[in-house]
Amino acid sequence: VQLVESGGGLVQPGGSLKLSCAASGSTFSSYVVSWYRQPQGQARELVAHIDTAGTPVYYAAHVKGRFTISRDNAKNMAFLQMNSLEPDDTAVYYCKAAVGWDEYWGQGTQVTVSS
């Protein structure tokens, strides 16, 4: 599986962005999907996680109520809708798809929240 993220950019505090993760391959629906982020100089952290059926199963405390993870298995896509963005949300955001012991990462997309 190859993953390509898109949708990042520069946004003002309080703004919104929707990240997309496009997956190659016909078995995308078998993979659980997660979004991670890595602020500059910090460790990568889990932001949200969605199961194969499309049910969100985890949000990090600091994004709960502001971010929404979703997926469209028919289109081999996953999404992260981010609202009420804050400067602390600035990071490179990564999509991960995993099944069993196998996991695949995208190259990341930069999100910068600044006035």
C-alpha atoms as a PDB file:
ATOM      1  CA  VAL A   1       0.000   0.000   0.000  1.00  0.00           C
ATOM      2  CA  GLN A   2       1.265   3.445  -0.890  1.00  0.00           C
ATOM      3  CA  LEU A   3      -0.164   6.453   0.910  1.00  0.00           C
ATOM      4  CA  VAL A   4      -0.118  10.070  -0.221  1.00  0.00           C
ATOM      5  CA  GLU A   5      -1.295  12.847   2.060  1.00  0.00           C
ATOM      6  CA  SER A   6      -2.526  16.209   0.843  1.00  0.00           C
ATOM      7  CA  GLY A   7      -4.443  19.222   2.083  1.00  0.00           C
ATOM      8  CA  GLY A   8      -1.922  20.778   4.405  1.00  0.00           C
ATOM      9  CA  GLY A   9      -1.006  24.430   4.348  1.00  0.00           C
ATOM     10  CA  LEU A  10      -0.975  27.692   6.269  1.00  0.00           C
ATOM     11  CA  VAL A  11      -4.121  28.647   8.143  1.00  0.00           C
ATOM     12  CA  GLN A  12      -4.967  31.271  10.722  1.00  0.00           C
ATOM     13  CA  PRO A  13      -5.923  30.290  14.258  1.00  0.00           C
ATOM     14  CA  GLY A  14      -9.557  29.287  14.366  1.00  0.00           C
ATOM     15  CA  GLY A  15      -9.493  28.149  10.769  1.00  0.00           C
ATOM     16  CA  SER A  16     -10.086  24.741   9.232  1.00  0.00           C
ATOM     17  CA  LEU A  17      -8.278  22.305   6.977  1.00  0.00           C
ATOM     18  CA  LYS A  18      -9.202  18.908   5.619  1.00  0.00           C
ATOM     19  CA  LEU A  19      -6.376  16.470   5.102  1.00  0.00           C
ATOM     20  CA  SER A  20      -6.703  13.616   2.650  1.00  0.00           C
ATOM     21  CA  CYS A  21      -4.855  10.318   2.470  1.00  0.00           C
ATOM     22  CA  ALA A  22      -5.022   8.541  -0.871  1.00  0.00           C
ATOM     23  CA  ALA A  23      -4.136   4.855  -0.859  1.00  0.00           C
ATOM     24  CA  SER A  24      -3.130   2.607  -3.699  1.00  0.00           C
ATOM     25  CA  GLY A  25      -4.132  -1.035  -3.837  1.00  0.00           C
ATOM     26  CA  SER A  26      -7.409  -2.899  -3.659  1.00  0.00           C
ATOM     27  CA  THR A  27      -7.245  -3.970  -0.024  1.00  0.00           C
ATOM     28  CA  PHE A  28      -7.439  -0.562   1.622  1.00  0.00           C
ATOM     29  CA  SER A  29     -10.687  -1.506   3.341  1.00  0.00           C
ATOM     30  CA  SER A  30      -8.782  -4.165   5.300  1.00  0.00           C
ATOM     31  CA  TYR A  31      -6.468  -1.636   6.909  1.00  0.00           C
ATOM     32  CA  VAL A  32      -7.088   0.368  10.025  1.00  0.00           C
ATOM     33  CA  VAL A  33      -6.084   3.966   9.440  1.00  0.00           C
ATOM     34  CA  SER A  34      -4.496   6.427  11.791  1.00  0.00           C
ATOM     35  CA  TRP A  35      -3.404  10.036  11.588  1.00  0.00           C
ATOM     36  CA  TYR A  36      -0.274  11.054  13.442  1.00  0.00           C
ATOM     37  CA  ARG A  37       1.486  14.369  13.726  1.00  0.00           C
ATOM     38  CA  GLN A  38       5.007  15.449  14.514  1.00  0.00           C
ATOM     39  CA  PRO A  39       5.734  18.996  15.608  1.00  0.00           C
ATOM     40  CA  GLN A  40       9.210  20.189  14.753  1.00  0.00           C
ATOM     41  CA  GLY A  41      11.728  18.817  17.220  1.00  0.00           C
ATOM     42  CA  GLN A  42       9.179  16.635  18.972  1.00  0.00           C
ATOM     43  CA  ALA A  43       8.098  13.024  18.865  1.00  0.00           C
ATOM     44  CA  ARG A  44       5.417  11.742  16.528  1.00  0.00           C
ATOM     45  CA  GLU A  45       2.049  11.398  18.279  1.00  0.00           C
ATOM     46  CA  LEU A  46      -1.200   9.654  17.491  1.00  0.00           C
ATOM     47  CA  VAL A  47      -4.011  12.048  16.656  1.00  0.00           C
ATOM     48  CA  ALA A  48      -6.905   9.818  15.603  1.00  0.00           C
ATOM     49  CA  HIS A  49      -7.669   6.253  14.595  1.00  0.00           C
ATOM     50  CA  ILE A  50     -10.494   4.692  12.584  1.00  0.00           C
ATOM     51  CA  ASP A  51     -11.424   1.060  12.137  1.00  0.00           C
ATOM     52  CA  THR A  52     -11.977  -0.771   8.868  1.00  0.00           C
ATOM     53  CA  ALA A  53     -15.733  -0.135   8.926  1.00  0.00           C
ATOM     54  CA  GLY A  54     -15.296   3.607   9.294  1.00  0.00           C
ATOM     55  CA  THR A  55     -15.952   3.992  13.016  1.00  0.00           C
ATOM     56  CA  PRO A  56     -13.606   6.440  14.749  1.00  0.00           C
ATOM     57  CA  VAL A  57     -12.166   4.664  17.757  1.00  0.00           C
ATOM     58  CA  TYR A  58      -9.697   7.173  19.161  1.00  0.00           C
ATOM     59  CA  TYR A  59      -9.022  10.880  19.335  1.00  0.00           C
ATOM     60  CA  ALA A  60      -6.199  12.455  21.279  1.00  0.00           C
ATOM     61  CA  ALA A  61      -7.550  14.546  24.130  1.00  0.00           C
ATOM     62  CA  HIS A  62      -6.277  17.802  22.713  1.00  0.00           C
ATOM     63  CA  VAL A  63      -8.098  17.348  19.374  1.00  0.00           C
ATOM     64  CA  LYS A  64     -11.332  15.741  20.555  1.00  0.00           C
ATOM     65  CA  GLY A  65     -14.286  17.837  19.496  1.00  0.00           C
ATOM     66  CA  ARG A  66     -12.235  19.719  16.909  1.00  0.00           C
ATOM     67  CA  PHE A  67     -10.958  16.982  14.562  1.00  0.00           C
ATOM     68  CA  THR A  68     -12.936  14.298  12.750  1.00  0.00           C
ATOM     69  CA  ILE A  69     -11.435  11.222  11.132  1.00  0.00           C
ATOM     70  CA  SER A  70     -13.288   9.465   8.338  1.00  0.00           C
ATOM     71  CA  ARG A  71     -12.699   7.160   5.406  1.00  0.00           C
ATOM     72  CA  ASP A  72     -14.227   6.226   2.077  1.00  0.00           C
ATOM     73  CA  ASN A  73     -13.245   2.652   1.298  1.00  0.00           C
ATOM     74  CA  ALA A  74     -14.823   2.805  -2.154  1.00  0.00           C
ATOM     75  CA  LYS A  75     -12.398   5.580  -3.071  1.00  0.00           C
ATOM     76  CA  ASN A  76      -9.418   4.271  -1.066  1.00  0.00           C
ATOM     77  CA  MET A  77      -9.322   7.521   0.867  1.00  0.00           C
ATOM     78  CA  ALA A  78      -9.080   8.624   4.466  1.00  0.00           C
ATOM     79  CA  PHE A  79      -9.594  12.116   5.805  1.00  0.00           C
ATOM     80  CA  LEU A  80      -8.918  14.301   8.798  1.00  0.00           C
ATOM     81  CA  GLN A  81     -11.190  17.306   9.132  1.00  0.00           C
ATOM     82  CA  MET A  82      -9.564  19.833  11.435  1.00  0.00           C
ATOM     83  CA  ASN A  83     -11.591  22.725  12.839  1.00  0.00           C
ATOM     84  CA  SER A  84     -10.820  25.459  15.354  1.00  0.00           C
ATOM     85  CA  LEU A  85      -7.142  25.079  14.621  1.00  0.00           C
ATOM     86  CA  GLU A  86      -4.649  26.341  17.181  1.00  0.00           C
ATOM     87  CA  PRO A  87      -0.962  27.243  16.852  1.00  0.00           C
ATOM     88  CA  ASP A  88      -0.130  24.072  18.821  1.00  0.00           C
ATOM     89  CA  ASP A  89      -1.634  22.034  15.980  1.00  0.00           C
ATOM     90  CA  THR A  90       1.311  23.051  13.794  1.00  0.00           C
ATOM     91  CA  ALA A  91       3.066  19.870  12.704  1.00  0.00           C
ATOM     92  CA  VAL A  92       3.709  17.480   9.873  1.00  0.00           C
ATOM     93  CA  TYR A  93       0.688  15.198   9.654  1.00  0.00           C
ATOM     94  CA  TYR A  94       1.086  11.582   8.585  1.00  0.00           C
ATOM     95  CA  CYS A  95      -1.362   8.927   7.525  1.00  0.00           C
ATOM     96  CA  LYS A  96      -0.723   5.314   8.517  1.00  0.00           C
ATOM     97  CA  ALA A  97      -2.469   2.178   7.317  1.00  0.00           C
ATOM     98  CA  ALA A  98      -1.965  -1.074   9.181  1.00  0.00           C
ATOM     99  CA  VAL A  99      -3.097  -4.674   9.140  1.00  0.00           C
ATOM    100  CA  GLY A 100      -1.581  -7.316  11.350  1.00  0.00           C
ATOM    101  CA  TRP A 101       2.120  -6.656  11.625  1.00  0.00           C
ATOM    102  CA  ASP A 102       2.273  -4.641   8.417  1.00  0.00           C
ATOM    103  CA  GLU A 103       2.086  -0.878   8.450  1.00  0.00           C
ATOM    104  CA  TYR A 104       2.542   1.777   5.816  1.00  0.00           C
ATOM    105  CA  TRP A 105       3.167   5.491   6.133  1.00  0.00           C
ATOM    106  CA  GLY A 106       2.705   8.431   3.854  1.00  0.00           C
ATOM    107  CA  GLN A 107       5.299  11.134   3.351  1.00  0.00           C
ATOM    108  CA  GLY A 108       3.452  13.674   5.467  1.00  0.00           C
ATOM    109  CA  THR A 109       1.863  17.048   4.855  1.00  0.00           C
ATOM    110  CA  GLN A 110       2.769  20.238   6.692  1.00  0.00           C
ATOM    111  CA  VAL A 111       0.104  22.097   8.631  1.00  0.00           C
ATOM    112  CA  THR A 112       1.026  25.522   9.961  1.00  0.00           C
ATOM    113  CA  VAL A 113      -1.367  27.495  12.139  1.00  0.00           C
ATOM    114  CA  SER A 114      -0.255  31.079  12.447  1.00  0.00           C
ATOM    115  CA  SER A 115      -1.556  34.592  12.172  1.00  0.00           C
END
